[in-house]
Amino acid sequence: MSALSDPTANATKSSGLKATQHALRELPHTADLFYDLKKIGKGTFGMVFEARTKGEHLQNIPKDTIIAYKKIRLPSSWTETSAEVNALRARQHDHVLPVLDAFVQPDISQQRNLYILTPLASGGNMENWMMSKETPNMPPKLDDPVFRRSFLLKSITSIAEAVAYCHSEIDGTWCGHYDIKPKNIFLFQGSAERWLWKLGDFGLSTIKADRDIGTIDEVGTSEYHPPEYYGNPKSHQYGPSFDVFSTGCVVLQLATLLVLPWEHSMIKALKSELSQTPKPFAFRDSGVNWSDRVSSRTRDEEVHLLLETTLQMMNPDTKHRLLAFDAALDLIRDCDTPDGHVDL
């Protein structure tokens, strides 16, 4: 069984830098930064592109490096945005997508835009992979039951560890993501032919002092919203438990792949079956029924333990919902997988 160290201690040690050490710079609109641009995504807060770098003006990114970057229309609160991006740069973890560079550049109309550069995920995102194991650039051998099980269990613990790390304090701040979902979890092929999931797309995240409740203008995909969002959505005040609920939704889907046939769009079909018409599917409404359906299809004790922990993560009462660190420990115990990454 893997051991998860105290994320607060680990965060301070592994980051080794403070957010204030990286002041965001502003580049002239004439600066030519990329070539071979290709749009690969669009979100609430900006466009995502794949590109090759030209080297000049970029920090510590060699020329001709293939990267992904998000272009975000800069909000009015420039100081706060700068602090949040810098704090994200300080969070360095195997399962958190790193920020390679960040800067501001106005366009030809002088609208200032924030650019956030990250590595490009060779394996795409988890949502595409959940829909079909035949997704290009995914690990081979997923038809091998032993490898598939190991990969799924490690996927579960990797995401749980990433969230626990983000919720840990670095320089007196913690990071809430508020849009955890399979589409924002990316697969990378690491060293020695090992595969790593990384939590990314922190476009909705907030960096808060101590354990204060975060206040955000809007949050991500409603399917993954916890019940408290709908108790008073106009207040938009949420704490770390928001992310724990969303992570539980992701874990529930991964646990499902341990049991049900992995067929094209099987996850999508299950959502359709459990949706409460006329309302669209939401885990806050159907999570328990989903868990019961999976549980009834297996006698695997490991899966039953996973489902129990998942329901604790998705508890509608925030007072009884697990903390991210406790959830990670429980999932590592439930999965009982060796520490490290899945070998091909």
Protein backbone atom coordinates (compact mmCIF):
# COMPACT_ATOMS: atom_id res chain seq x y z
CA MET A 1 0.00 0.00 0.00
CA SER A 2 1.21 3.44 -0.87
CA ALA A 3 1.73 6.06 1.80
CA LEU A 4 0.69 9.66 1.29
CA SER A 5 2.78 12.13 3.25
CA ASP A 6 1.34 15.22 4.90
CA PRO A 7 0.58 17.46 1.87
CA THR A 8 1.37 20.64 3.76
CA ALA A 9 4.88 19.53 4.55
CA ASN A 10 5.38 18.06 1.10
CA ALA A 11 4.14 21.18 -0.61
CA THR A 12 6.57 23.47 1.13
CA LYS A 13 9.47 21.14 0.43
CA SER A 14 8.68 20.32 -3.21
CA SER A 15 7.74 23.79 -4.40
CA GLY A 16 10.89 25.45 -3.19
CA LEU A 17 9.75 28.87 -4.35
CA LYS A 18 7.33 31.59 -3.40
CA ALA A 19 4.67 33.09 -5.58
CA THR A 20 6.14 36.54 -5.12
CA GLN A 21 9.36 35.45 -6.85
CA HIS A 22 7.63 35.46 -10.26
CA ALA A 23 6.12 38.79 -11.24
CA LEU A 24 4.03 38.49 -14.38
CA ARG A 25 5.53 40.54 -17.18
CA GLU A 26 3.83 42.32 -20.05
CA LEU A 27 5.01 41.76 -23.62
CA PRO A 28 4.42 44.17 -26.52
CA HIS A 29 1.66 43.20 -28.92
CA THR A 30 4.27 42.97 -31.68
CA ALA A 31 6.14 40.14 -29.94
CA ASP A 32 5.99 37.05 -32.20
CA LEU A 33 5.85 34.04 -29.89
CA PHE A 34 4.40 30.98 -31.62
CA TYR A 35 3.96 29.19 -34.92
CA ASP A 36 2.01 26.14 -36.13
CA LEU A 37 -0.95 27.25 -34.04
CA LYS A 38 -3.90 24.88 -33.71
CA LYS A 39 -7.01 25.52 -31.65
CA ILE A 40 -7.62 22.53 -29.36
CA GLY A 41 -10.22 23.80 -26.92
CA LYS A 42 -12.52 26.54 -25.74
CA GLY A 43 -13.67 27.21 -22.20
CA THR A 44 -15.63 29.74 -20.22
CA PHE A 45 -12.56 31.88 -19.70
CA GLY A 46 -10.58 31.56 -22.89
CA MET A 47 -9.27 29.65 -25.86
CA VAL A 48 -6.70 26.83 -25.75
CA PHE A 49 -4.13 26.35 -28.51
CA GLU A 50 -1.39 23.92 -29.41
CA ALA A 51 1.69 25.66 -30.78
CA ARG A 52 5.43 25.59 -31.24
CA THR A 53 7.52 28.24 -29.53
CA LYS A 54 9.84 30.66 -31.26
CA GLY A 55 11.98 30.91 -28.15
CA GLU A 56 12.39 34.66 -27.90
CA HIS A 57 10.54 36.38 -25.02
CA LEU A 58 9.62 33.08 -23.33
CA GLN A 59 11.18 32.04 -20.03
CA ASN A 60 13.04 28.73 -19.89
CA ILE A 61 11.20 27.24 -22.88
CA PRO A 62 13.51 26.22 -25.74
CA LYS A 63 12.75 27.16 -29.32
CA ASP A 64 10.49 24.75 -31.24
CA THR A 65 8.98 23.25 -28.08
CA ILE A 66 5.42 22.00 -28.56
CA ILE A 67 3.24 23.46 -25.81
CA ALA A 68 -0.37 24.23 -24.99
CA TYR A 69 -1.42 27.71 -24.02
CA LYS A 70 -4.60 29.30 -22.76
CA LYS A 71 -5.41 32.84 -23.81
CA ILE A 72 -7.68 34.56 -21.30
CA ARG A 73 -9.21 38.00 -21.54
CA LEU A 74 -7.65 39.77 -18.60
CA PRO A 75 -10.11 40.62 -15.81
CA SER A 76 -10.19 44.02 -14.18
CA SER A 77 -8.59 42.72 -10.98
CA TRP A 78 -5.06 42.60 -12.40
CA THR A 79 -3.30 42.40 -9.04
CA GLU A 80 -5.39 39.47 -7.85
CA THR A 81 -4.95 37.61 -11.13
CA SER A 82 -1.20 38.05 -10.99
CA ALA A 83 -1.08 36.68 -7.45
CA GLU A 84 -3.19 33.65 -8.35
CA VAL A 85 -1.14 32.73 -11.41
CA ASN A 86 2.09 33.07 -9.47
CA ALA A 87 0.73 30.88 -6.68
CA LEU A 88 -0.21 28.22 -9.23
CA ARG A 89 3.36 28.29 -10.54
CA ALA A 90 4.55 27.45 -7.06
CA ARG A 91 2.53 24.24 -7.00
CA GLN A 92 4.81 21.57 -8.42
CA HIS A 93 3.58 18.00 -8.12
CA ASP A 94 3.74 14.90 -10.33
CA HIS A 95 -0.01 14.98 -10.84
CA VAL A 96 -0.58 18.72 -11.23
CA LEU A 97 -0.12 20.29 -14.66
CA PRO A 98 2.80 22.75 -14.33
CA VAL A 99 2.71 26.35 -15.51
CA LEU A 100 5.76 26.76 -17.76
CA ASP A 101 5.35 30.49 -18.29
CA ALA A 102 2.73 33.19 -17.88
CA PHE A 103 2.58 36.74 -19.16
CA VAL A 104 0.28 39.48 -20.42
CA GLN A 105 0.17 40.59 -24.05
CA PRO A 106 -2.27 43.09 -25.55
CA ASP A 107 -3.84 42.36 -28.90
CA ILE A 108 -4.00 44.82 -31.77
CA SER A 109 -7.03 46.52 -30.18
CA GLN A 110 -5.05 46.89 -26.93
CA GLN A 111 -7.23 44.40 -25.07
CA ARG A 112 -4.89 42.81 -22.54
CA ASN A 113 -4.84 39.03 -22.50
CA LEU A 114 -3.29 36.62 -20.05
CA TYR A 115 -1.30 33.73 -21.54
CA ILE A 116 -0.69 30.58 -19.49
CA LEU A 117 1.70 28.04 -21.05
CA THR A 118 1.73 24.37 -20.05
CA PRO A 119 3.09 21.12 -21.48
CA LEU A 120 0.92 19.51 -24.15
CA ALA A 121 -0.74 16.27 -23.03
CA SER A 122 0.24 13.53 -25.46
CA GLY A 123 -2.57 11.28 -24.26
CA GLY A 124 -5.37 13.84 -24.32
CA ASN A 125 -7.90 14.20 -21.51
CA MET A 126 -9.65 11.67 -19.29
CA GLU A 127 -13.12 12.40 -20.63
CA ASN A 128 -12.21 11.25 -24.14
CA TRP A 129 -10.51 8.18 -22.72
CA MET A 130 -13.52 7.25 -20.58
CA MET A 131 -15.72 7.25 -23.66
CA SER A 132 -13.49 4.77 -25.48
CA LYS A 133 -10.29 2.97 -24.56
CA GLU A 134 -9.38 3.14 -28.26
CA THR A 135 -8.55 6.85 -27.94
CA PRO A 136 -5.29 7.60 -29.85
CA ASN A 137 -2.05 7.92 -27.87
CA MET A 138 -3.42 6.08 -24.83
CA PRO A 139 -1.36 3.40 -23.06
CA PRO A 140 -1.33 0.07 -24.84
CA LYS A 141 -2.40 -3.18 -23.15
CA LEU A 142 -5.68 -1.77 -21.80
CA ASP A 143 -7.32 -4.99 -22.98
CA ASP A 144 -5.11 -6.85 -20.51
CA PRO A 145 -7.32 -7.17 -17.38
CA VAL A 146 -4.37 -7.01 -14.98
CA PHE A 147 -2.86 -3.91 -16.58
CA ARG A 148 -6.24 -2.24 -16.97
CA ARG A 149 -7.08 -2.74 -13.29
CA SER A 150 -3.70 -1.45 -12.16
CA PHE A 151 -3.99 1.57 -14.45
CA LEU A 152 -7.48 2.43 -13.22
CA LEU A 153 -6.56 2.11 -9.55
CA LYS A 154 -3.47 4.25 -10.01
CA SER A 155 -5.56 6.79 -11.92
CA ILE A 156 -7.85 7.09 -8.90
CA THR A 157 -5.06 7.62 -6.38
CA SER A 158 -3.19 10.04 -8.67
CA ILE A 159 -6.13 12.45 -8.93
CA ALA A 160 -6.89 12.21 -5.22
CA GLU A 161 -3.27 13.04 -4.39
CA ALA A 162 -3.31 16.01 -6.78
CA VAL A 163 -6.38 17.52 -5.12
CA ALA A 164 -4.98 16.94 -1.63
CA TYR A 165 -1.78 18.69 -2.69
CA CYS A 166 -3.63 21.69 -4.16
CA HIS A 167 -5.60 22.05 -0.93
CA SER A 168 -2.43 22.05 1.15
CA GLU A 169 -0.95 25.35 2.27
CA ILE A 170 2.04 26.89 0.52
CA ASP A 171 3.20 30.25 1.81
CA GLY A 172 -0.05 30.54 3.77
CA THR A 173 -2.34 29.91 0.80
CA TRP A 174 -4.33 26.98 -0.56
CA CYS A 175 -5.68 26.42 -4.06
CA GLY A 176 -9.31 25.60 -4.85
CA HIS A 177 -9.91 24.33 -8.38
CA TYR A 178 -13.73 24.45 -8.63
CA ASP A 179 -13.93 22.73 -12.01
CA ILE A 180 -12.59 19.21 -11.43
CA LYS A 181 -13.90 16.88 -14.12
CA PRO A 182 -12.43 14.30 -16.50
CA LYS A 183 -12.04 16.89 -19.26
CA ASN A 184 -9.59 18.82 -17.04
CA ILE A 185 -7.39 15.80 -16.25
CA PHE A 186 -4.65 15.13 -18.79
CA LEU A 187 -2.47 12.13 -19.60
CA PHE A 188 1.28 12.38 -20.14
CA GLN A 189 3.86 9.79 -21.02
CA GLY A 190 6.60 10.26 -18.49
CA SER A 191 10.11 8.91 -18.22
CA ALA A 192 10.88 5.21 -18.52
CA GLU A 193 7.64 4.55 -20.41
CA ARG A 194 5.41 5.49 -17.50
CA TRP A 195 2.07 7.30 -17.75
CA LEU A 196 0.93 10.16 -15.53
CA TRP A 197 -2.43 11.85 -15.07
CA LYS A 198 -2.17 15.56 -14.29
CA LEU A 199 -4.90 17.85 -12.98
CA GLY A 200 -4.99 21.04 -15.03
CA ASP A 201 -7.08 23.91 -16.36
CA PHE A 202 -7.18 26.03 -13.23
CA GLY A 203 -9.08 28.79 -15.03
CA LEU A 204 -11.72 28.92 -12.27
CA SER A 205 -9.36 28.39 -9.37
CA THR A 206 -8.84 30.74 -6.48
CA ILE A 207 -5.92 31.04 -4.14
CA LYS A 208 -7.05 31.79 -0.61
CA ALA A 209 -5.34 32.51 2.68
CA ASP A 210 -5.39 29.77 5.30
CA ARG A 211 -8.62 27.74 5.07
CA ASP A 212 -10.92 30.64 4.20
CA ILE A 213 -13.97 29.93 2.11
CA GLY A 214 -13.40 30.92 -1.50
CA THR A 215 -15.57 33.48 -3.23
CA ILE A 216 -15.79 33.03 -6.97
CA ASP A 217 -17.90 34.59 -9.70
CA GLU A 218 -18.97 31.32 -11.27
CA VAL A 219 -17.99 27.69 -11.23
CA GLY A 220 -17.57 24.94 -13.76
CA THR A 221 -19.63 22.14 -15.23
CA SER A 222 -22.97 21.81 -13.39
CA GLU A 223 -22.91 18.03 -13.67
CA TYR A 224 -20.13 18.01 -11.07
CA HIS A 225 -21.50 20.72 -8.75
CA PRO A 226 -22.16 19.73 -5.13
CA PRO A 227 -25.63 20.29 -3.63
CA GLU A 228 -24.55 23.35 -1.62
CA TYR A 229 -24.02 25.29 -4.84
CA TYR A 230 -27.75 25.17 -5.40
CA GLY A 231 -28.61 26.00 -1.81
CA ASN A 232 -27.49 29.60 -2.35
CA PRO A 233 -25.87 29.94 -5.78
CA LYS A 234 -25.83 33.73 -5.67
CA SER A 235 -23.47 33.74 -2.68
CA HIS A 236 -20.79 31.84 -4.64
CA GLN A 237 -18.92 31.01 -1.45
CA TYR A 238 -17.41 27.56 -1.27
CA GLY A 239 -14.64 25.85 0.61
CA PRO A 240 -12.37 22.89 -0.18
CA SER A 241 -15.30 20.46 0.09
CA PHE A 242 -16.52 21.67 -3.33
CA ASP A 243 -13.50 20.03 -4.98
CA VAL A 244 -13.85 16.88 -2.88
CA PHE A 245 -17.38 16.34 -4.18
CA SER A 246 -16.28 16.82 -7.80
CA THR A 247 -13.32 14.48 -7.30
CA GLY A 248 -15.70 11.87 -5.93
CA CYS A 249 -17.69 12.11 -9.17
CA VAL A 250 -14.53 11.38 -11.17
CA VAL A 251 -13.54 8.48 -8.90
CA LEU A 252 -17.04 6.99 -9.21
CA GLN A 253 -16.68 6.86 -13.00
CA LEU A 254 -13.21 5.28 -12.80
CA ALA A 255 -14.52 2.68 -10.34
CA THR A 256 -17.31 1.95 -12.83
CA LEU A 257 -14.73 1.03 -15.46
CA LEU A 258 -13.41 -1.60 -13.06
CA VAL A 259 -16.75 -3.39 -13.20
CA LEU A 260 -18.90 -2.65 -16.25
CA PRO A 261 -17.94 -3.51 -19.84
CA TRP A 262 -15.73 -0.80 -21.26
CA GLU A 263 -17.70 -0.11 -24.41
CA HIS A 264 -17.91 3.01 -26.52
CA SER A 265 -19.96 5.69 -24.72
CA MET A 266 -20.87 3.32 -21.86
CA ILE A 267 -20.39 6.13 -19.32
CA LYS A 268 -22.55 8.43 -21.43
CA ALA A 269 -25.27 5.77 -21.68
CA LEU A 270 -25.27 5.27 -17.91
CA LYS A 271 -25.71 8.99 -17.35
CA SER A 272 -28.64 8.97 -19.74
CA GLU A 273 -30.29 6.07 -17.92
CA LEU A 274 -29.93 7.72 -14.51
CA SER A 275 -30.86 11.27 -15.49
CA GLN A 276 -33.96 12.62 -13.79
CA THR A 277 -35.99 13.90 -16.71
CA PRO A 278 -36.55 16.72 -17.52
CA LYS A 279 -33.45 17.79 -15.59
CA PRO A 280 -30.03 17.08 -17.15
CA PHE A 281 -27.87 14.46 -15.48
CA ALA A 282 -26.06 15.56 -12.32
CA PHE A 283 -24.08 13.47 -9.85
CA ARG A 284 -25.66 15.30 -6.91
CA ASP A 285 -29.00 13.74 -7.96
CA SER A 286 -27.88 10.33 -9.22
CA GLY A 287 -24.59 9.53 -7.48
CA VAL A 288 -26.08 7.10 -4.96
CA ASN A 289 -28.10 5.25 -7.61
CA TRP A 290 -25.00 5.07 -9.80
CA SER A 291 -22.94 3.61 -6.96
CA ASP A 292 -25.67 1.08 -6.11
CA ARG A 293 -25.87 -0.06 -9.72
CA VAL A 294 -22.11 -0.65 -9.93
CA SER A 295 -22.00 -2.30 -6.50
CA SER A 296 -24.73 -4.76 -7.47
CA ARG A 297 -22.66 -5.94 -10.43
CA THR A 298 -19.59 -7.09 -8.50
CA ARG A 299 -18.43 -8.99 -5.43
CA ASP A 300 -15.02 -7.32 -5.61
CA GLU A 301 -14.35 -6.10 -2.08
CA GLU A 302 -11.83 -3.53 -3.30
CA VAL A 303 -14.47 -1.94 -5.53
CA HIS A 304 -17.01 -1.92 -2.69
CA LEU A 305 -14.53 -0.07 -0.47
CA LEU A 306 -13.88 2.43 -3.26
CA LEU A 307 -17.59 3.06 -3.67
CA GLU A 308 -18.02 3.59 0.07
CA THR A 309 -15.23 6.18 0.10
CA THR A 310 -16.67 7.83 -3.00
CA LEU A 311 -20.06 8.30 -1.33
CA GLN A 312 -18.33 9.87 1.68
CA MET A 313 -16.63 12.29 -0.71
CA MET A 314 -20.03 13.07 -2.26
CA ASN A 315 -21.92 13.41 1.02
CA PRO A 316 -24.55 16.15 0.54
CA ASP A 317 -23.74 17.49 4.02
CA THR A 318 -20.42 19.35 3.86
CA LYS A 319 -19.90 18.76 7.60
CA HIS A 320 -19.67 15.02 6.96
CA ARG A 321 -17.85 15.14 3.63
CA LEU A 322 -14.25 13.96 3.69
CA LEU A 323 -11.37 16.42 3.49
CA ALA A 324 -9.18 16.02 0.42
CA PHE A 325 -6.23 14.68 2.41
CA ASP A 326 -8.39 12.11 4.22
CA ALA A 327 -10.04 11.11 0.95
CA ALA A 328 -6.64 10.54 -0.66
CA LEU A 329 -5.50 8.38 2.26
CA ASP A 330 -8.70 6.33 2.18
CA LEU A 331 -8.51 5.82 -1.59
CA ILE A 332 -4.89 4.72 -1.40
CA ARG A 333 -5.93 2.23 1.27
CA ASP A 334 -8.89 1.06 -0.81
CA CYS A 335 -6.85 0.65 -3.98
CA ASP A 336 -3.95 -1.02 -2.14
CA THR A 337 -1.63 -0.26 -5.06
CA PRO A 338 2.17 0.08 -4.79
CA ASP A 339 3.50 3.61 -4.80
CA GLY A 340 4.76 4.93 -8.10
CA HIS A 341 3.40 4.88 -11.63
CA VAL A 342 1.89 2.22 -13.82
CA ASP A 343 4.42 0.42 -15.96
CA LEU A 344 3.60 -0.43 -19.55
